[in-house]
């Protein structure tokens, strides 16, 4: 019997869910929410097109959220930055959860407001 190749021995959908949710690692480990999804993506992107697609999506969102956060910090001088920073944080949580739920159903979901830097 041939054995199906699986990323890190996991079911593909489970791996993709974990990749989306790994953005929350930053709540436990400094920079973990940035590093863990990138490691998961880079380790398997050449072997699995689905991982490459989801990984690019996640990395584009992380970079976009970082840019939006920097702009928000600058805008704190005029007070609106506090609100925009909170919104960026909330969207980061919501988008990761939606992405994970869609990945669990075998679907691809592009994060809205994400700048497509990696194509």
N, C-alpha and C. Protein backbone atom coordinates (compact mmCIF):
# COMPACT_ATOMS: atom_id res chain seq x y z
N UNK A 1 0.84 -1.19 0.00
CA UNK A 1 0.00 0.00 0.00
C UNK A 1 0.88 1.24 0.00
N UNK A 2 0.50 2.19 -0.82
CA UNK A 2 1.26 3.43 -0.82
C UNK A 2 0.71 4.34 0.28
N UNK A 3 1.66 5.01 0.91
CA UNK A 3 1.27 5.89 2.00
C UNK A 3 1.20 7.32 1.47
N UNK A 4 0.15 8.02 1.81
CA UNK A 4 -0.01 9.39 1.36
C UNK A 4 0.97 10.30 2.10
N UNK A 5 1.65 11.16 1.35
CA UNK A 5 2.59 12.10 1.97
C UNK A 5 1.78 13.18 2.68
N UNK A 6 2.12 13.42 3.94
CA UNK A 6 1.37 14.38 4.75
C UNK A 6 2.35 15.35 5.41
N UNK A 7 1.99 16.62 5.47
CA UNK A 7 2.88 17.59 6.10
C UNK A 7 3.00 17.32 7.60
N UNK A 8 4.22 17.06 8.03
CA UNK A 8 4.53 16.78 9.44
C UNK A 8 3.64 15.68 10.01
N UNK A 9 3.21 14.75 9.15
CA UNK A 9 2.39 13.62 9.57
C UNK A 9 0.95 13.98 9.89
N UNK A 10 0.53 15.16 9.48
CA UNK A 10 -0.82 15.63 9.80
C UNK A 10 -1.71 15.60 8.56
N UNK A 11 -3.01 15.51 8.79
CA UNK A 11 -3.99 15.69 7.74
C UNK A 11 -3.82 17.11 7.18
N UNK A 12 -3.98 17.27 5.88
CA UNK A 12 -3.75 18.58 5.24
C UNK A 12 -4.61 19.67 5.84
N UNK A 13 -5.91 19.43 6.01
CA UNK A 13 -6.78 20.46 6.57
C UNK A 13 -6.36 20.83 7.99
N UNK A 14 -5.99 19.83 8.78
CA UNK A 14 -5.55 20.10 10.15
C UNK A 14 -4.28 20.94 10.15
N UNK A 15 -3.37 20.65 9.25
CA UNK A 15 -2.13 21.41 9.15
C UNK A 15 -2.42 22.87 8.78
N UNK A 16 -3.32 23.07 7.82
CA UNK A 16 -3.68 24.42 7.39
C UNK A 16 -4.38 25.19 8.51
N UNK A 17 -5.24 24.51 9.26
CA UNK A 17 -5.89 25.14 10.41
C UNK A 17 -4.83 25.59 11.41
N UNK A 18 -3.92 24.68 11.72
CA UNK A 18 -2.86 25.00 12.67
C UNK A 18 -1.99 26.15 12.17
N UNK A 19 -1.76 26.19 10.87
CA UNK A 19 -0.94 27.27 10.30
C UNK A 19 -1.64 28.62 10.50
N UNK A 20 -2.93 28.69 10.27
CA UNK A 20 -3.67 29.94 10.50
C UNK A 20 -3.67 30.31 11.98
N UNK A 21 -3.96 29.32 12.83
CA UNK A 21 -4.04 29.60 14.26
C UNK A 21 -2.68 29.84 14.91
N UNK A 22 -1.61 29.45 14.23
CA UNK A 22 -0.27 29.66 14.80
C UNK A 22 0.06 31.15 14.93
N UNK A 23 -0.73 31.99 14.29
CA UNK A 23 -0.54 33.43 14.47
C UNK A 23 -0.77 33.84 15.92
N UNK A 24 -1.51 33.04 16.66
CA UNK A 24 -1.76 33.34 18.08
C UNK A 24 -0.58 32.98 18.97
N UNK A 25 0.44 32.33 18.41
CA UNK A 25 1.64 31.99 19.20
C UNK A 25 2.29 33.25 19.76
N UNK A 26 2.07 34.38 19.12
CA UNK A 26 2.62 35.64 19.59
C UNK A 26 2.08 36.06 20.95
N UNK A 27 0.95 35.51 21.35
CA UNK A 27 0.41 35.81 22.68
C UNK A 27 1.20 35.10 23.77
N UNK A 28 1.92 34.05 23.40
CA UNK A 28 2.68 33.24 24.36
C UNK A 28 4.19 33.49 24.23
N UNK A 29 4.65 33.54 22.99
CA UNK A 29 6.08 33.69 22.71
C UNK A 29 6.28 34.97 21.90
N UNK A 30 7.14 35.87 22.37
CA UNK A 30 7.37 37.09 21.59
C UNK A 30 7.79 36.75 20.15
N UNK A 31 7.15 37.39 19.19
CA UNK A 31 7.36 37.19 17.76
C UNK A 31 6.95 35.80 17.26
N UNK A 32 6.39 34.97 18.13
CA UNK A 32 5.97 33.63 17.74
C UNK A 32 4.88 33.65 16.68
N UNK A 33 3.97 34.62 16.74
CA UNK A 33 2.89 34.73 15.77
C UNK A 33 3.38 35.11 14.39
N UNK A 34 4.60 35.59 14.32
CA UNK A 34 5.22 35.92 13.03
C UNK A 34 6.09 34.77 12.55
N UNK A 35 6.87 34.20 13.46
CA UNK A 35 7.86 33.18 13.10
C UNK A 35 7.24 31.81 12.83
N UNK A 36 6.34 31.36 13.68
CA UNK A 36 5.79 30.00 13.56
C UNK A 36 5.06 29.79 12.23
N UNK A 37 4.14 30.69 11.81
CA UNK A 37 3.48 30.44 10.52
C UNK A 37 4.46 30.46 9.34
N UNK A 38 5.48 31.30 9.44
CA UNK A 38 6.47 31.35 8.36
C UNK A 38 7.26 30.06 8.29
N UNK A 39 7.65 29.51 9.43
CA UNK A 39 8.37 28.24 9.45
C UNK A 39 7.49 27.12 8.88
N UNK A 40 6.23 27.10 9.29
CA UNK A 40 5.31 26.08 8.79
C UNK A 40 5.14 26.18 7.28
N UNK A 41 5.10 27.40 6.78
CA UNK A 41 4.93 27.63 5.34
C UNK A 41 6.19 27.23 4.59
N UNK A 42 7.34 27.75 5.02
CA UNK A 42 8.59 27.49 4.31
C UNK A 42 8.95 26.00 4.31
N UNK A 43 8.67 25.32 5.41
CA UNK A 43 9.04 23.91 5.53
C UNK A 43 8.31 23.02 4.54
N UNK A 44 7.14 23.42 4.09
CA UNK A 44 6.32 22.54 3.24
C UNK A 44 5.81 23.16 1.95
N UNK A 45 6.17 24.40 1.67
CA UNK A 45 5.59 25.09 0.51
C UNK A 45 5.94 24.45 -0.83
N UNK A 46 7.11 23.84 -0.93
CA UNK A 46 7.52 23.25 -2.21
C UNK A 46 6.85 21.90 -2.47
N UNK A 47 6.39 21.24 -1.43
CA UNK A 47 5.78 19.92 -1.57
C UNK A 47 4.26 19.95 -1.67
N UNK A 48 3.65 21.01 -1.17
CA UNK A 48 2.19 21.08 -1.10
C UNK A 48 1.71 22.45 -1.58
N UNK A 49 1.06 22.52 -2.75
CA UNK A 49 0.58 23.81 -3.27
C UNK A 49 -0.43 24.49 -2.34
N UNK A 50 -1.23 23.70 -1.62
CA UNK A 50 -2.21 24.30 -0.71
C UNK A 50 -1.51 25.06 0.41
N UNK A 51 -0.44 24.48 0.93
CA UNK A 51 0.31 25.13 2.00
C UNK A 51 0.96 26.40 1.48
N UNK A 52 1.46 26.36 0.26
CA UNK A 52 2.07 27.55 -0.33
C UNK A 52 1.04 28.67 -0.47
N UNK A 53 -0.16 28.32 -0.94
CA UNK A 53 -1.21 29.31 -1.13
C UNK A 53 -1.63 29.93 0.22
N UNK A 54 -1.92 29.09 1.20
CA UNK A 54 -2.34 29.58 2.51
C UNK A 54 -1.20 30.34 3.19
N UNK A 55 0.01 29.83 3.05
CA UNK A 55 1.17 30.48 3.68
C UNK A 55 1.40 31.88 3.15
N UNK A 56 1.32 32.05 1.84
CA UNK A 56 1.48 33.38 1.25
C UNK A 56 0.40 34.32 1.76
N UNK A 57 -0.81 33.81 1.86
CA UNK A 57 -1.93 34.59 2.36
C UNK A 57 -1.67 35.06 3.80
N UNK A 58 -1.22 34.15 4.64
CA UNK A 58 -0.96 34.46 6.04
C UNK A 58 0.20 35.46 6.16
N UNK A 59 1.27 35.22 5.45
CA UNK A 59 2.44 36.11 5.52
C UNK A 59 2.08 37.50 5.00
N UNK A 60 1.31 37.57 3.92
CA UNK A 60 0.87 38.87 3.41
C UNK A 60 0.05 39.61 4.47
N UNK A 61 -0.81 38.89 5.19
CA UNK A 61 -1.60 39.55 6.23
C UNK A 61 -0.70 40.01 7.38
N UNK A 62 0.24 39.19 7.79
CA UNK A 62 1.14 39.56 8.89
C UNK A 62 1.91 40.84 8.53
N UNK A 63 2.43 40.89 7.32
CA UNK A 63 3.16 42.08 6.88
C UNK A 63 2.22 43.28 6.82
N UNK A 64 1.03 43.08 6.27
CA UNK A 64 0.05 44.17 6.18
C UNK A 64 -0.34 44.67 7.55
N UNK A 65 -0.61 43.76 8.48
CA UNK A 65 -1.00 44.16 9.83
C UNK A 65 0.13 44.91 10.52
N UNK A 66 1.37 44.52 10.25
CA UNK A 66 2.52 45.23 10.82
C UNK A 66 2.57 46.66 10.27
N UNK A 67 2.36 46.81 8.98
CA UNK A 67 2.35 48.14 8.37
C UNK A 67 1.22 48.98 8.96
N UNK A 68 0.03 48.39 9.05
CA UNK A 68 -1.11 49.12 9.62
C UNK A 68 -0.86 49.50 11.08
N UNK A 69 -0.19 48.62 11.81
CA UNK A 69 0.11 48.91 13.22
C UNK A 69 1.11 50.06 13.35
N UNK A 70 2.11 50.08 12.50
CA UNK A 70 3.09 51.17 12.54
C UNK A 70 2.42 52.50 12.22
N UNK A 71 1.55 52.49 11.22
CA UNK A 71 0.81 53.71 10.88
C UNK A 71 -0.07 54.12 12.06
N UNK A 72 -0.69 53.15 12.71
CA UNK A 72 -1.55 53.44 13.87
C UNK A 72 -0.76 54.07 15.00
N UNK A 73 0.44 53.56 15.25
CA UNK A 73 1.28 54.13 16.31
C UNK A 73 1.61 55.58 15.98
N UNK A 74 1.91 55.85 14.74
CA UNK A 74 2.20 57.23 14.33
C UNK A 74 0.95 58.10 14.52
N UNK A 75 -0.21 57.55 14.19
CA UNK A 75 -1.47 58.31 14.33
C UNK A 75 -1.91 58.50 15.77
N UNK A 76 -1.24 57.86 16.70
CA UNK A 76 -1.59 58.06 18.11
C UNK A 76 -1.37 59.51 18.55
N UNK A 77 -0.54 60.22 17.82
CA UNK A 77 -0.31 61.63 18.11
C UNK A 77 -1.62 62.40 17.99
N UNK A 78 -2.46 62.02 17.05
CA UNK A 78 -3.75 62.69 16.89
C UNK A 78 -4.89 61.84 17.45
N UNK A 79 -4.55 60.89 18.29
CA UNK A 79 -5.47 60.05 19.06
C UNK A 79 -6.19 58.96 18.26
N UNK A 80 -6.38 59.13 16.97
CA UNK A 80 -7.12 58.12 16.21
C UNK A 80 -6.35 56.81 16.14
N UNK A 81 -5.03 56.88 16.31
CA UNK A 81 -4.19 55.69 16.24
C UNK A 81 -4.56 54.64 17.28
N UNK A 82 -5.04 55.07 18.42
CA UNK A 82 -5.45 54.11 19.46
C UNK A 82 -6.60 53.24 18.94
N UNK A 83 -7.54 53.86 18.27
CA UNK A 83 -8.68 53.13 17.72
C UNK A 83 -8.24 52.23 16.57
N UNK A 84 -7.43 52.76 15.66
CA UNK A 84 -7.03 51.96 14.51
C UNK A 84 -6.15 50.78 14.93
N UNK A 85 -5.31 50.97 15.95
CA UNK A 85 -4.49 49.86 16.44
C UNK A 85 -5.36 48.76 17.04
N UNK A 86 -6.38 49.16 17.79
CA UNK A 86 -7.30 48.17 18.35
C UNK A 86 -8.04 47.42 17.24
N UNK A 87 -8.42 48.13 16.21
CA UNK A 87 -9.12 47.50 15.08
C UNK A 87 -8.21 46.51 14.37
N UNK A 88 -6.95 46.90 14.14
CA UNK A 88 -6.00 45.98 13.49
C UNK A 88 -5.82 44.72 14.33
N UNK A 89 -5.71 44.88 15.64
CA UNK A 89 -5.57 43.71 16.53
C UNK A 89 -6.79 42.81 16.48
N UNK A 90 -7.96 43.41 16.52
CA UNK A 90 -9.20 42.64 16.45
C UNK A 90 -9.34 41.92 15.10
N UNK A 91 -9.01 42.60 14.03
CA UNK A 91 -9.08 41.98 12.71
C UNK A 91 -8.09 40.82 12.60
N UNK A 92 -6.93 40.95 13.22
CA UNK A 92 -5.96 39.86 13.21
C UNK A 92 -6.52 38.60 13.84
N UNK A 93 -7.25 38.75 14.93
CA UNK A 93 -7.87 37.61 15.60
C UNK A 93 -9.00 37.04 14.74
N UNK A 94 -9.86 37.92 14.26
CA UNK A 94 -11.02 37.48 13.46
C UNK A 94 -10.57 36.80 12.17
N UNK A 95 -9.61 37.40 11.46
CA UNK A 95 -9.17 36.85 10.18
C UNK A 95 -8.51 35.49 10.36
N UNK A 96 -7.71 35.33 11.42
CA UNK A 96 -7.06 34.03 11.66
C UNK A 96 -8.09 32.95 11.94
N UNK A 97 -9.12 33.29 12.70
CA UNK A 97 -10.17 32.31 13.02
C UNK A 97 -10.97 31.95 11.76
N UNK A 98 -11.34 32.95 10.98
CA UNK A 98 -12.09 32.67 9.75
C UNK A 98 -11.24 31.83 8.79
N UNK A 99 -9.96 32.19 8.64
CA UNK A 99 -9.07 31.43 7.78
C UNK A 99 -8.95 29.99 8.23
N UNK A 100 -8.86 29.77 9.54
CA UNK A 100 -8.77 28.41 10.09
C UNK A 100 -10.06 27.64 9.84
N UNK A 101 -11.20 28.28 10.06
CA UNK A 101 -12.48 27.60 9.82
C UNK A 101 -12.64 27.22 8.36
N UNK A 102 -12.28 28.12 7.46
CA UNK A 102 -12.37 27.82 6.03
C UNK A 102 -11.40 26.70 5.65
N UNK A 103 -10.18 26.74 6.20
CA UNK A 103 -9.20 25.69 5.90
C UNK A 103 -9.69 24.34 6.40
N UNK A 104 -10.36 24.33 7.53
CA UNK A 104 -10.91 23.08 8.07
C UNK A 104 -11.96 22.48 7.13
N UNK A 105 -12.65 23.34 6.38
CA UNK A 105 -13.66 22.89 5.42
C UNK A 105 -13.04 22.61 4.04
N UNK A 106 -11.71 22.74 3.96
CA UNK A 106 -11.03 22.49 2.70
C UNK A 106 -11.10 23.65 1.72
N UNK A 107 -11.40 24.85 2.24
CA UNK A 107 -11.54 26.03 1.39
C UNK A 107 -10.36 26.98 1.61
N UNK A 108 -10.12 27.82 0.62
CA UNK A 108 -9.14 28.88 0.72
C UNK A 108 -9.88 30.19 0.91
N UNK A 109 -9.44 31.01 1.85
CA UNK A 109 -10.07 32.30 2.11
C UNK A 109 -8.98 33.36 2.15
N UNK A 110 -9.08 34.33 1.29
CA UNK A 110 -8.10 35.41 1.24
C UNK A 110 -8.44 36.46 2.29
N UNK A 111 -7.45 36.82 3.11
CA UNK A 111 -7.67 37.82 4.15
C UNK A 111 -7.97 39.18 3.51
N UNK A 112 -9.10 39.79 3.86
CA UNK A 112 -9.39 41.12 3.33
C UNK A 112 -8.36 42.13 3.87
N UNK A 113 -8.19 43.22 3.17
CA UNK A 113 -7.27 44.31 3.55
C UNK A 113 -5.80 43.90 3.53
N UNK A 114 -5.53 42.71 3.02
CA UNK A 114 -4.17 42.22 2.95
C UNK A 114 -3.49 42.73 1.69
N UNK A 115 -2.32 43.32 1.86
CA UNK A 115 -1.54 43.80 0.72
C UNK A 115 -0.82 42.60 0.12
N UNK A 116 -1.01 42.35 -1.15
CA UNK A 116 -0.43 41.17 -1.80
C UNK A 116 1.02 41.43 -2.19
N UNK A 117 1.92 41.33 -1.21
CA UNK A 117 3.34 41.56 -1.46
C UNK A 117 4.03 40.30 -1.99
N UNK A 118 3.61 39.15 -1.48
CA UNK A 118 4.15 37.87 -1.93
C UNK A 118 3.09 37.24 -2.82
N UNK A 119 3.45 36.99 -4.06
CA UNK A 119 2.45 36.47 -5.00
C UNK A 119 2.68 35.02 -5.31
